[in-house]
Structure formats: structure tokens, C-alpha cells
Amino acid sequence: MKRLFWLGVGVVAGVTLSRKASETARQATPAGLASNLGDAMRELAGAIGAFGAEVRAGMTEREQELNDIVEQRSGLPRSTVARGERARGGHTATEPRTGRARRAEI
């Protein structure tokens, strides 16, 4: 009985090591390396896409916060403030141009 147990343990260990060795050998081939590189690129693209989505969500949230602050301080509803910005070309400052813009006008 003892010999049969150790024979079973040896067979299981041999099969496991054989599979691991063949998988490692397959990954060392050019096709295996290309597959690993492709998987890594897909993972990187997914991470970049997720990062971009989080940045856009943060920008939207911050824009909403800023719009709420402007609405509170100005007392104007948001739609009025947005229309006023579009009418002035998106700029709210009424200061005269300086620097390069002034030189270009001269």
C-alpha cells in the first residue's frame, strides 16, 4: 500500500512538472512571446481607457461644482451663465488684450 501511494505521488509530480515545462517552452517561442506581448498591449489599452474615463468623469464632476459656485455667487441660473459665455466666445474676462495679441494688432 505504501509503495502504491508513493507511485501515485510520483506520477502526479511528473505530470505536473511535464506540463509546466512544456508551457514554459511554448512561451519561449516567437509565437508565445508575441501572444504575451499582445496580451500585455490589450491590458495596457484597457488601463488607459479606464484612466481616460475616470479623468472625464472627474472633469464633469468638477465642472458641475464650478457651475454651482458661479450660480451661487452670481445669483443667475446656470443656463443664463452658459448663454452669456457662448455669446462672448467662451471668455468671461473683460480685460484688454496684452502681450502677443496687442503686438499683432499694431
C-alpha atoms as a PDB file:
ATOM      1  CA  MET A   1       0.000   0.000   0.000  1.00  0.00           C
ATOM      2  CA  LYS A   2       2.859   2.353   0.881  1.00  0.00           C
ATOM      3  CA  ARG A   3       4.570   1.741  -2.462  1.00  0.00           C
ATOM      4  CA  LEU A   4       1.334   2.375  -4.369  1.00  0.00           C
ATOM      5  CA  PHE A   5       0.913   5.735  -2.584  1.00  0.00           C
ATOM      6  CA  TRP A   6       4.427   6.867  -3.468  1.00  0.00           C
ATOM      7  CA  LEU A   7       3.965   5.657  -7.035  1.00  0.00           C
ATOM      8  CA  GLY A   8       0.819   7.861  -7.294  1.00  0.00           C
ATOM      9  CA  VAL A   9       2.651  10.864  -5.812  1.00  0.00           C
ATOM     10  CA  GLY A  10       5.490  10.370  -8.311  1.00  0.00           C
ATOM     11  CA  VAL A  11       3.107  10.149 -11.281  1.00  0.00           C
ATOM     12  CA  VAL A  12       1.239  13.295 -10.226  1.00  0.00           C
ATOM     13  CA  ALA A  13       4.525  15.195  -9.695  1.00  0.00           C
ATOM     14  CA  GLY A  14       5.855  14.004 -13.048  1.00  0.00           C
ATOM     15  CA  VAL A  15       2.727  15.042 -14.953  1.00  0.00           C
ATOM     16  CA  THR A  16       2.663  18.445 -13.218  1.00  0.00           C
ATOM     17  CA  LEU A  17       6.342  19.144 -13.938  1.00  0.00           C
ATOM     18  CA  SER A  18       5.990  17.960 -17.528  1.00  0.00           C
ATOM     19  CA  ARG A  19       3.056  20.302 -18.178  1.00  0.00           C
ATOM     20  CA  LYS A  20       4.845  23.202 -16.543  1.00  0.00           C
ATOM     21  CA  ALA A  21       7.999  22.575 -18.617  1.00  0.00           C
ATOM     22  CA  SER A  22       6.071  22.350 -21.896  1.00  0.00           C
ATOM     23  CA  GLU A  23       4.159  25.575 -21.104  1.00  0.00           C
ATOM     24  CA  THR A  24       7.418  27.385 -20.316  1.00  0.00           C
ATOM     25  CA  ALA A  25       8.954  26.095 -23.565  1.00  0.00           C
ATOM     26  CA  ARG A  26       5.904  27.253 -25.554  1.00  0.00           C
ATOM     27  CA  GLN A  27       6.161  30.743 -24.050  1.00  0.00           C
ATOM     28  CA  ALA A  28       9.812  30.966 -25.114  1.00  0.00           C
ATOM     29  CA  THR A  29       8.941  30.505 -28.798  1.00  0.00           C
ATOM     30  CA  PRO A  30       8.369  33.566 -31.019  1.00  0.00           C
ATOM     31  CA  ALA A  31       4.636  32.789 -31.202  1.00  0.00           C
ATOM     32  CA  GLY A  32       4.443  32.563 -27.420  1.00  0.00           C
ATOM     33  CA  LEU A  33       6.317  35.843 -26.992  1.00  0.00           C
ATOM     34  CA  ALA A  34       4.027  37.550 -29.499  1.00  0.00           C
ATOM     35  CA  SER A  35       0.998  36.217 -27.645  1.00  0.00           C
ATOM     36  CA  ASN A  36       2.345  37.547 -24.335  1.00  0.00           C
ATOM     37  CA  LEU A  37       3.105  40.914 -25.919  1.00  0.00           C
ATOM     38  CA  GLY A  38      -0.387  41.085 -27.446  1.00  0.00           C
ATOM     39  CA  ASP A  39      -1.979  40.308 -24.082  1.00  0.00           C
ATOM     40  CA  ALA A  40       0.136  42.988 -22.412  1.00  0.00           C
ATOM     41  CA  MET A  41      -0.828  45.580 -25.036  1.00  0.00           C
ATOM     42  CA  ARG A  42      -4.536  44.760 -24.649  1.00  0.00           C
ATOM     43  CA  GLU A  43      -4.218  45.107 -20.886  1.00  0.00           C
ATOM     44  CA  LEU A  44      -2.389  48.436 -21.264  1.00  0.00           C
ATOM     45  CA  ALA A  45      -5.023  49.751 -23.687  1.00  0.00           C
ATOM     46  CA  GLY A  46      -7.771  48.774 -21.268  1.00  0.00           C
ATOM     47  CA  ALA A  47      -5.987  50.528 -18.402  1.00  0.00           C
ATOM     48  CA  ILE A  48      -5.512  53.690 -20.486  1.00  0.00           C
ATOM     49  CA  GLY A  49      -9.178  53.633 -21.489  1.00  0.00           C
ATOM     50  CA  ALA A  50     -10.261  53.235 -17.870  1.00  0.00           C
ATOM     51  CA  PHE A  51      -7.962  56.095 -16.837  1.00  0.00           C
ATOM     52  CA  GLY A  52      -9.427  58.335 -19.546  1.00  0.00           C
ATOM     53  CA  ALA A  53     -12.961  57.502 -18.420  1.00  0.00           C
ATOM     54  CA  GLU A  54     -12.074  58.367 -14.823  1.00  0.00           C
ATOM     55  CA  VAL A  55     -10.493  61.654 -15.910  1.00  0.00           C
ATOM     56  CA  ARG A  56     -13.591  62.584 -17.941  1.00  0.00           C
ATOM     57  CA  ALA A  57     -15.857  61.704 -15.001  1.00  0.00           C
ATOM     58  CA  GLY A  58     -13.708  63.850 -12.699  1.00  0.00           C
ATOM     59  CA  MET A  59     -13.779  66.734 -15.168  1.00  0.00           C
ATOM     60  CA  THR A  60     -17.564  66.548 -15.418  1.00  0.00           C
ATOM     61  CA  GLU A  61     -17.899  66.458 -11.650  1.00  0.00           C
ATOM     62  CA  ARG A  62     -15.547  69.421 -11.204  1.00  0.00           C
ATOM     63  CA  GLU A  63     -17.331  71.375 -13.953  1.00  0.00           C
ATOM     64  CA  GLN A  64     -20.622  70.831 -12.148  1.00  0.00           C
ATOM     65  CA  GLU A  65     -19.070  72.048  -8.884  1.00  0.00           C
ATOM     66  CA  LEU A  66     -17.714  75.162 -10.590  1.00  0.00           C
ATOM     67  CA  ASN A  67     -21.061  75.856 -12.281  1.00  0.00           C
ATOM     68  CA  ASP A  68     -22.789  75.575  -8.908  1.00  0.00           C
ATOM     69  CA  ILE A  69     -20.301  78.024  -7.364  1.00  0.00           C
ATOM     70  CA  VAL A  70     -20.806  80.508 -10.211  1.00  0.00           C
ATOM     71  CA  GLU A  71     -24.566  80.193  -9.872  1.00  0.00           C
ATOM     72  CA  GLN A  72     -24.385  80.772  -6.110  1.00  0.00           C
ATOM     73  CA  ARG A  73     -22.099  83.792  -6.358  1.00  0.00           C
ATOM     74  CA  SER A  74     -23.743  85.456  -9.344  1.00  0.00           C
ATOM     75  CA  GLY A  75     -27.336  84.623  -8.473  1.00  0.00           C
ATOM     76  CA  LEU A  76     -28.012  83.774 -12.125  1.00  0.00           C
ATOM     77  CA  PRO A  77     -29.361  80.388 -13.143  1.00  0.00           C
ATOM     78  CA  ARG A  78     -26.843  78.150 -14.879  1.00  0.00           C
ATOM     79  CA  SER A  79     -28.489  78.350 -18.307  1.00  0.00           C
ATOM     80  CA  THR A  80     -28.163  82.155 -18.314  1.00  0.00           C
ATOM     81  CA  VAL A  81     -24.494  81.987 -17.371  1.00  0.00           C
ATOM     82  CA  ALA A  82     -23.780  79.417 -20.091  1.00  0.00           C
ATOM     83  CA  ARG A  83     -25.547  81.512 -22.759  1.00  0.00           C
ATOM     84  CA  GLY A  84     -23.555  84.581 -21.728  1.00  0.00           C
ATOM     85  CA  GLU A  85     -20.284  82.685 -22.066  1.00  0.00           C
ATOM     86  CA  ARG A  86     -21.200  81.487 -25.547  1.00  0.00           C
ATOM     87  CA  ALA A  87     -22.199  84.974 -26.645  1.00  0.00           C
ATOM     88  CA  ARG A  88     -18.772  86.302 -25.644  1.00  0.00           C
ATOM     89  CA  GLY A  89     -16.916  83.476 -27.324  1.00  0.00           C
ATOM     90  CA  GLY A  90     -16.413  81.479 -24.126  1.00  0.00           C
ATOM     91  CA  HIS A  91     -14.419  84.173 -22.323  1.00  0.00           C
ATOM     92  CA  THR A  92     -15.773  85.989 -19.301  1.00  0.00           C
ATOM     93  CA  ALA A  93     -12.871  88.394 -18.734  1.00  0.00           C
ATOM     94  CA  THR A  94     -13.367  91.950 -19.981  1.00  0.00           C
ATOM     95  CA  GLU A  95      -9.725  92.969 -19.618  1.00  0.00           C
ATOM     96  CA  PRO A  96      -7.946  94.387 -22.708  1.00  0.00           C
ATOM     97  CA  ARG A  97      -5.599  92.150 -24.667  1.00  0.00           C
ATOM     98  CA  THR A  98      -1.960  92.177 -23.719  1.00  0.00           C
ATOM     99  CA  GLY A  99       1.278  90.662 -24.931  1.00  0.00           C
ATOM    100  CA  ARG A 100       1.360  88.998 -28.313  1.00  0.00           C
ATOM    101  CA  ALA A 101      -2.211  89.830 -29.227  1.00  0.00           C
ATOM    102  CA  ARG A 102      -1.550  93.540 -28.835  1.00  0.00           C
ATOM    103  CA  ARG A 103       1.683  93.324 -30.858  1.00  0.00           C
ATOM    104  CA  ALA A 104      -0.141  91.537 -33.657  1.00  0.00           C
ATOM    105  CA  GLU A 105      -2.733  94.319 -33.857  1.00  0.00           C
ATOM    106  CA  ILE A 106      -0.107  97.052 -34.207  1.00  0.00           C
END
